[in-house]
N, C-alpha and C. Protein backbone atom coordinates (compact mmCIF):
# COMPACT_ATOMS: atom_id res chain seq x y z
N MET A 1 94.13 161.89 -163.19
CA MET A 1 94.72 162.79 -162.22
C MET A 1 94.54 164.21 -162.72
N ARG A 2 93.94 165.09 -161.89
CA ARG A 2 93.68 166.46 -162.27
C ARG A 2 94.78 167.39 -161.76
N ALA A 3 95.13 168.33 -162.59
CA ALA A 3 96.08 169.35 -162.16
C ALA A 3 95.32 170.41 -161.37
N GLY A 4 95.95 170.94 -160.37
CA GLY A 4 95.33 171.97 -159.56
C GLY A 4 95.18 173.27 -160.32
N PRO A 5 94.34 174.18 -159.82
CA PRO A 5 94.15 175.45 -160.50
C PRO A 5 95.43 176.27 -160.61
N ALA A 6 96.29 176.17 -159.62
CA ALA A 6 97.55 176.92 -159.66
C ALA A 6 98.44 176.41 -160.79
N VAL A 7 98.46 175.10 -160.98
CA VAL A 7 99.27 174.51 -162.04
C VAL A 7 98.71 174.91 -163.40
N ALA A 8 97.38 174.90 -163.53
CA ALA A 8 96.75 175.28 -164.78
C ALA A 8 97.02 176.75 -165.09
N ALA A 9 96.94 177.60 -164.08
CA ALA A 9 97.21 179.03 -164.28
C ALA A 9 98.66 179.25 -164.66
N MET A 10 99.57 178.51 -164.04
CA MET A 10 100.99 178.65 -164.36
C MET A 10 101.27 178.21 -165.80
N LEU A 11 100.67 177.11 -166.21
CA LEU A 11 100.86 176.64 -167.58
C LEU A 11 100.30 177.64 -168.57
N ALA A 12 99.13 178.20 -168.26
CA ALA A 12 98.53 179.21 -169.13
C ALA A 12 99.44 180.43 -169.23
N SER A 13 100.03 180.83 -168.11
CA SER A 13 100.93 181.98 -168.11
C SER A 13 102.16 181.70 -168.96
N ILE A 14 102.68 180.50 -168.90
CA ILE A 14 103.86 180.13 -169.68
C ILE A 14 103.53 180.17 -171.17
N VAL A 15 102.37 179.64 -171.54
CA VAL A 15 101.97 179.63 -172.95
C VAL A 15 101.79 181.06 -173.46
N VAL A 16 101.12 181.89 -172.66
CA VAL A 16 100.92 183.28 -173.06
C VAL A 16 102.26 184.01 -173.16
N ALA A 17 103.14 183.78 -172.20
CA ALA A 17 104.46 184.43 -172.23
C ALA A 17 105.24 184.04 -173.47
N ALA A 18 105.18 182.78 -173.85
CA ALA A 18 105.89 182.33 -175.04
C ALA A 18 105.31 182.98 -176.29
N ALA A 19 103.99 183.03 -176.37
CA ALA A 19 103.35 183.65 -177.53
C ALA A 19 103.66 185.14 -177.61
N LEU A 20 103.66 185.80 -176.46
CA LEU A 20 103.92 187.23 -176.44
C LEU A 20 105.39 187.54 -176.71
N THR A 21 106.27 186.64 -176.36
CA THR A 21 107.69 186.84 -176.65
C THR A 21 107.91 186.85 -178.16
N VAL A 22 107.27 185.91 -178.84
CA VAL A 22 107.39 185.84 -180.30
C VAL A 22 106.75 187.08 -180.92
N ALA A 23 105.55 187.44 -180.47
CA ALA A 23 104.86 188.60 -181.02
C ALA A 23 105.57 189.90 -180.63
N GLY A 24 106.14 189.94 -179.43
CA GLY A 24 106.79 191.14 -178.95
C GLY A 24 108.03 191.50 -179.73
N ALA A 25 108.76 190.52 -180.20
CA ALA A 25 109.97 190.79 -180.97
C ALA A 25 109.62 191.57 -182.23
N GLN A 26 108.53 191.20 -182.89
CA GLN A 26 108.10 191.91 -184.07
C GLN A 26 107.44 193.23 -183.69
N ALA A 27 106.75 193.27 -182.56
CA ALA A 27 106.02 194.46 -182.15
C ALA A 27 106.95 195.63 -181.86
N ARG A 28 108.13 195.38 -181.35
CA ARG A 28 109.05 196.46 -181.02
C ARG A 28 109.36 197.31 -182.25
N HIS A 29 109.60 196.66 -183.38
CA HIS A 29 109.89 197.40 -184.60
C HIS A 29 108.67 198.21 -185.03
N ASP A 30 107.51 197.61 -184.94
CA ASP A 30 106.29 198.27 -185.39
C ASP A 30 105.91 199.45 -184.51
N VAL A 31 106.20 199.38 -183.24
CA VAL A 31 105.89 200.48 -182.34
C VAL A 31 106.70 201.71 -182.74
N LEU A 32 107.94 201.48 -183.11
CA LEU A 32 108.79 202.60 -183.50
C LEU A 32 108.32 203.22 -184.81
N SER A 33 107.86 202.42 -185.74
CA SER A 33 107.47 202.95 -187.03
C SER A 33 106.01 203.35 -187.08
N ALA A 34 105.16 202.80 -186.21
CA ALA A 34 103.73 203.10 -186.12
C ALA A 34 102.96 202.71 -187.36
N THR A 35 103.57 201.99 -188.28
CA THR A 35 102.85 201.44 -189.42
C THR A 35 103.08 199.94 -189.44
N CYS A 36 102.16 199.23 -190.06
CA CYS A 36 102.31 197.78 -190.14
C CYS A 36 101.49 197.24 -191.30
N THR A 37 101.74 196.01 -191.62
CA THR A 37 100.95 195.33 -192.63
C THR A 37 99.66 194.83 -191.99
N PRO A 38 98.67 194.50 -192.79
CA PRO A 38 97.44 193.95 -192.21
C PRO A 38 97.68 192.68 -191.39
N ALA A 39 98.61 191.85 -191.83
CA ALA A 39 98.91 190.61 -191.09
C ALA A 39 99.54 190.92 -189.74
N GLN A 40 100.44 191.90 -189.71
CA GLN A 40 101.07 192.28 -188.46
C GLN A 40 100.06 192.88 -187.49
N LYS A 41 99.16 193.71 -188.01
CA LYS A 41 98.14 194.31 -187.15
C LYS A 41 97.25 193.22 -186.55
N ALA A 42 96.87 192.25 -187.36
CA ALA A 42 96.04 191.15 -186.86
C ALA A 42 96.80 190.36 -185.79
N GLN A 43 98.09 190.16 -186.00
CA GLN A 43 98.91 189.45 -185.02
C GLN A 43 98.99 190.23 -183.71
N HIS A 44 99.17 191.53 -183.81
CA HIS A 44 99.24 192.38 -182.60
C HIS A 44 97.91 192.37 -181.86
N GLN A 45 96.82 192.45 -182.60
CA GLN A 45 95.51 192.46 -181.97
C GLN A 45 95.21 191.12 -181.31
N ALA A 46 95.65 190.02 -181.93
CA ALA A 46 95.45 188.69 -181.34
C ALA A 46 96.27 188.55 -180.06
N ALA A 47 97.50 189.06 -180.07
CA ALA A 47 98.34 189.00 -178.87
C ALA A 47 97.72 189.83 -177.75
N LEU A 48 97.18 190.98 -178.09
CA LEU A 48 96.53 191.85 -177.10
C LEU A 48 95.31 191.15 -176.51
N ALA A 49 94.48 190.55 -177.36
CA ALA A 49 93.29 189.85 -176.88
C ALA A 49 93.66 188.67 -175.98
N ALA A 50 94.68 187.93 -176.36
CA ALA A 50 95.12 186.79 -175.55
C ALA A 50 95.64 187.25 -174.19
N TYR A 51 96.39 188.34 -174.18
CA TYR A 51 96.92 188.85 -172.93
C TYR A 51 95.80 189.32 -172.01
N ARG A 52 94.86 190.08 -172.58
CA ARG A 52 93.73 190.55 -171.78
C ARG A 52 92.94 189.38 -171.20
N LYS A 53 92.77 188.35 -172.00
CA LYS A 53 91.98 187.18 -171.58
C LYS A 53 92.62 186.49 -170.37
N HIS A 54 93.94 186.45 -170.33
CA HIS A 54 94.63 185.71 -169.27
C HIS A 54 95.13 186.59 -168.12
N MET A 55 94.93 187.90 -168.22
CA MET A 55 95.42 188.79 -167.17
C MET A 55 94.84 188.48 -165.79
N SER A 56 93.53 188.32 -165.72
CA SER A 56 92.91 188.11 -164.41
C SER A 56 93.30 186.77 -163.81
N ALA A 57 93.41 185.75 -164.64
CA ALA A 57 93.81 184.43 -164.14
C ALA A 57 95.25 184.47 -163.62
N ALA A 58 96.12 185.16 -164.35
CA ALA A 58 97.51 185.27 -163.91
C ALA A 58 97.59 186.06 -162.60
N ARG A 59 96.80 187.12 -162.51
CA ARG A 59 96.79 187.93 -161.29
C ARG A 59 96.27 187.11 -160.11
N ARG A 60 95.19 186.38 -160.35
CA ARG A 60 94.61 185.54 -159.28
C ARG A 60 95.63 184.51 -158.80
N ALA A 61 96.32 183.87 -159.72
CA ALA A 61 97.32 182.87 -159.35
C ALA A 61 98.48 183.51 -158.58
N TYR A 62 98.92 184.67 -159.03
CA TYR A 62 100.02 185.36 -158.36
C TYR A 62 99.61 185.77 -156.96
N PHE A 63 98.42 186.35 -156.84
CA PHE A 63 97.95 186.81 -155.54
C PHE A 63 97.73 185.65 -154.57
N ALA A 64 97.40 184.48 -155.08
CA ALA A 64 97.20 183.32 -154.22
C ALA A 64 98.50 182.90 -153.54
N HIS A 65 99.63 183.18 -154.18
CA HIS A 65 100.92 182.74 -153.66
C HIS A 65 101.79 183.87 -153.11
N HIS A 66 101.37 185.11 -153.30
CA HIS A 66 102.15 186.25 -152.84
C HIS A 66 101.24 187.18 -152.05
N LYS A 67 101.43 187.23 -150.75
CA LYS A 67 100.58 188.04 -149.88
C LYS A 67 101.10 189.46 -149.68
N SER A 68 102.32 189.72 -150.03
CA SER A 68 102.92 191.04 -149.85
C SER A 68 102.27 192.07 -150.76
N ALA A 69 101.81 193.16 -150.18
CA ALA A 69 101.16 194.22 -150.95
C ALA A 69 102.12 194.84 -151.96
N SER A 70 103.38 195.00 -151.59
CA SER A 70 104.34 195.62 -152.51
C SER A 70 104.64 194.70 -153.71
N LEU A 71 104.72 193.40 -153.47
CA LEU A 71 104.93 192.46 -154.58
C LEU A 71 103.72 192.44 -155.50
N ARG A 72 102.54 192.49 -154.91
CA ARG A 72 101.31 192.50 -155.71
C ARG A 72 101.24 193.77 -156.56
N ARG A 73 101.57 194.91 -155.96
CA ARG A 73 101.56 196.17 -156.69
C ARG A 73 102.54 196.13 -157.86
N ALA A 74 103.72 195.60 -157.60
CA ALA A 74 104.74 195.50 -158.66
C ALA A 74 104.26 194.59 -159.79
N PHE A 75 103.59 193.50 -159.44
CA PHE A 75 103.07 192.58 -160.44
C PHE A 75 102.02 193.28 -161.31
N VAL A 76 101.11 193.99 -160.67
CA VAL A 76 100.05 194.68 -161.40
C VAL A 76 100.64 195.78 -162.28
N ARG A 77 101.62 196.51 -161.77
CA ARG A 77 102.28 197.54 -162.59
C ARG A 77 102.93 196.92 -163.82
N GLY A 78 103.57 195.78 -163.63
CA GLY A 78 104.18 195.09 -164.76
C GLY A 78 103.15 194.66 -165.78
N GLN A 79 102.02 194.15 -165.29
CA GLN A 79 100.94 193.76 -166.20
C GLN A 79 100.44 194.98 -166.98
N GLN A 80 100.24 196.09 -166.30
CA GLN A 80 99.73 197.30 -166.96
C GLN A 80 100.72 197.84 -167.98
N THR A 81 102.00 197.77 -167.66
CA THR A 81 103.04 198.22 -168.59
C THR A 81 103.04 197.36 -169.84
N HIS A 82 102.96 196.05 -169.63
CA HIS A 82 102.95 195.12 -170.76
C HIS A 82 101.69 195.33 -171.60
N LEU A 83 100.55 195.53 -170.95
CA LEU A 83 99.30 195.77 -171.65
C LEU A 83 99.40 197.03 -172.50
N LYS A 84 99.97 198.08 -171.95
CA LYS A 84 100.10 199.33 -172.70
C LYS A 84 100.98 199.15 -173.93
N SER A 85 102.06 198.39 -173.80
CA SER A 85 102.93 198.17 -174.97
C SER A 85 102.20 197.35 -176.04
N LEU A 86 101.39 196.38 -175.63
CA LEU A 86 100.62 195.61 -176.60
C LEU A 86 99.55 196.47 -177.26
N GLU A 87 98.92 197.35 -176.49
CA GLU A 87 97.91 198.24 -177.06
C GLU A 87 98.53 199.19 -178.07
N THR A 88 99.72 199.69 -177.77
CA THR A 88 100.42 200.58 -178.69
C THR A 88 100.76 199.85 -179.98
N ALA A 89 101.22 198.63 -179.87
CA ALA A 89 101.55 197.85 -181.06
C ALA A 89 100.30 197.55 -181.88
N ALA A 90 99.20 197.25 -181.22
CA ALA A 90 97.95 196.92 -181.92
C ALA A 90 97.32 198.14 -182.56
N ALA A 91 97.73 199.34 -182.15
CA ALA A 91 97.17 200.57 -182.70
C ALA A 91 97.94 201.07 -183.91
N CYS A 92 98.82 200.27 -184.46
CA CYS A 92 99.60 200.71 -185.61
C CYS A 92 98.68 200.99 -186.80
N THR A 93 99.16 201.83 -187.69
CA THR A 93 98.40 202.21 -188.87
C THR A 93 98.76 201.29 -190.03
N VAL A 94 97.73 200.71 -190.62
CA VAL A 94 97.95 199.82 -191.75
C VAL A 94 98.04 200.66 -193.01
N THR A 95 99.12 200.43 -193.75
CA THR A 95 99.28 201.09 -195.05
C THR A 95 99.34 200.01 -196.11
N ALA A 96 99.20 200.39 -197.34
CA ALA A 96 99.16 199.42 -198.43
C ALA A 96 100.40 198.54 -198.46
N ALA A 97 101.57 199.17 -198.30
CA ALA A 97 102.82 198.42 -198.37
C ALA A 97 103.38 198.17 -196.98
N GLY A 98 102.69 198.63 -195.93
CA GLY A 98 103.21 198.48 -194.59
C GLY A 98 104.22 199.54 -194.22
N ARG A 99 104.41 200.52 -195.11
CA ARG A 99 105.37 201.60 -194.89
C ARG A 99 104.75 202.91 -195.34
N LEU A 100 105.32 203.98 -194.88
CA LEU A 100 104.84 205.30 -195.31
C LEU A 100 105.41 205.67 -196.63
């Protein structure tokens, strides 16, 4: 029995959301300090890559079920906001000790 594309997209979104929740908790601290350890930077970059990879699939799935232009705009704005926060976290400066 095959799962439909909408179910697959929803499951992918849930997995990405769970991964980003874990990464996001650590990212908030790093965004404020703008420095991080090499391991944290790698984690932020991996979270950013995963989010970018699944953005279009999540958008496609959302648009398939939501025809309202205002809802679609709000969804895209939310995606862009989340992407910007991940990019900021991934742009942290690596220092030897992870601190200035």
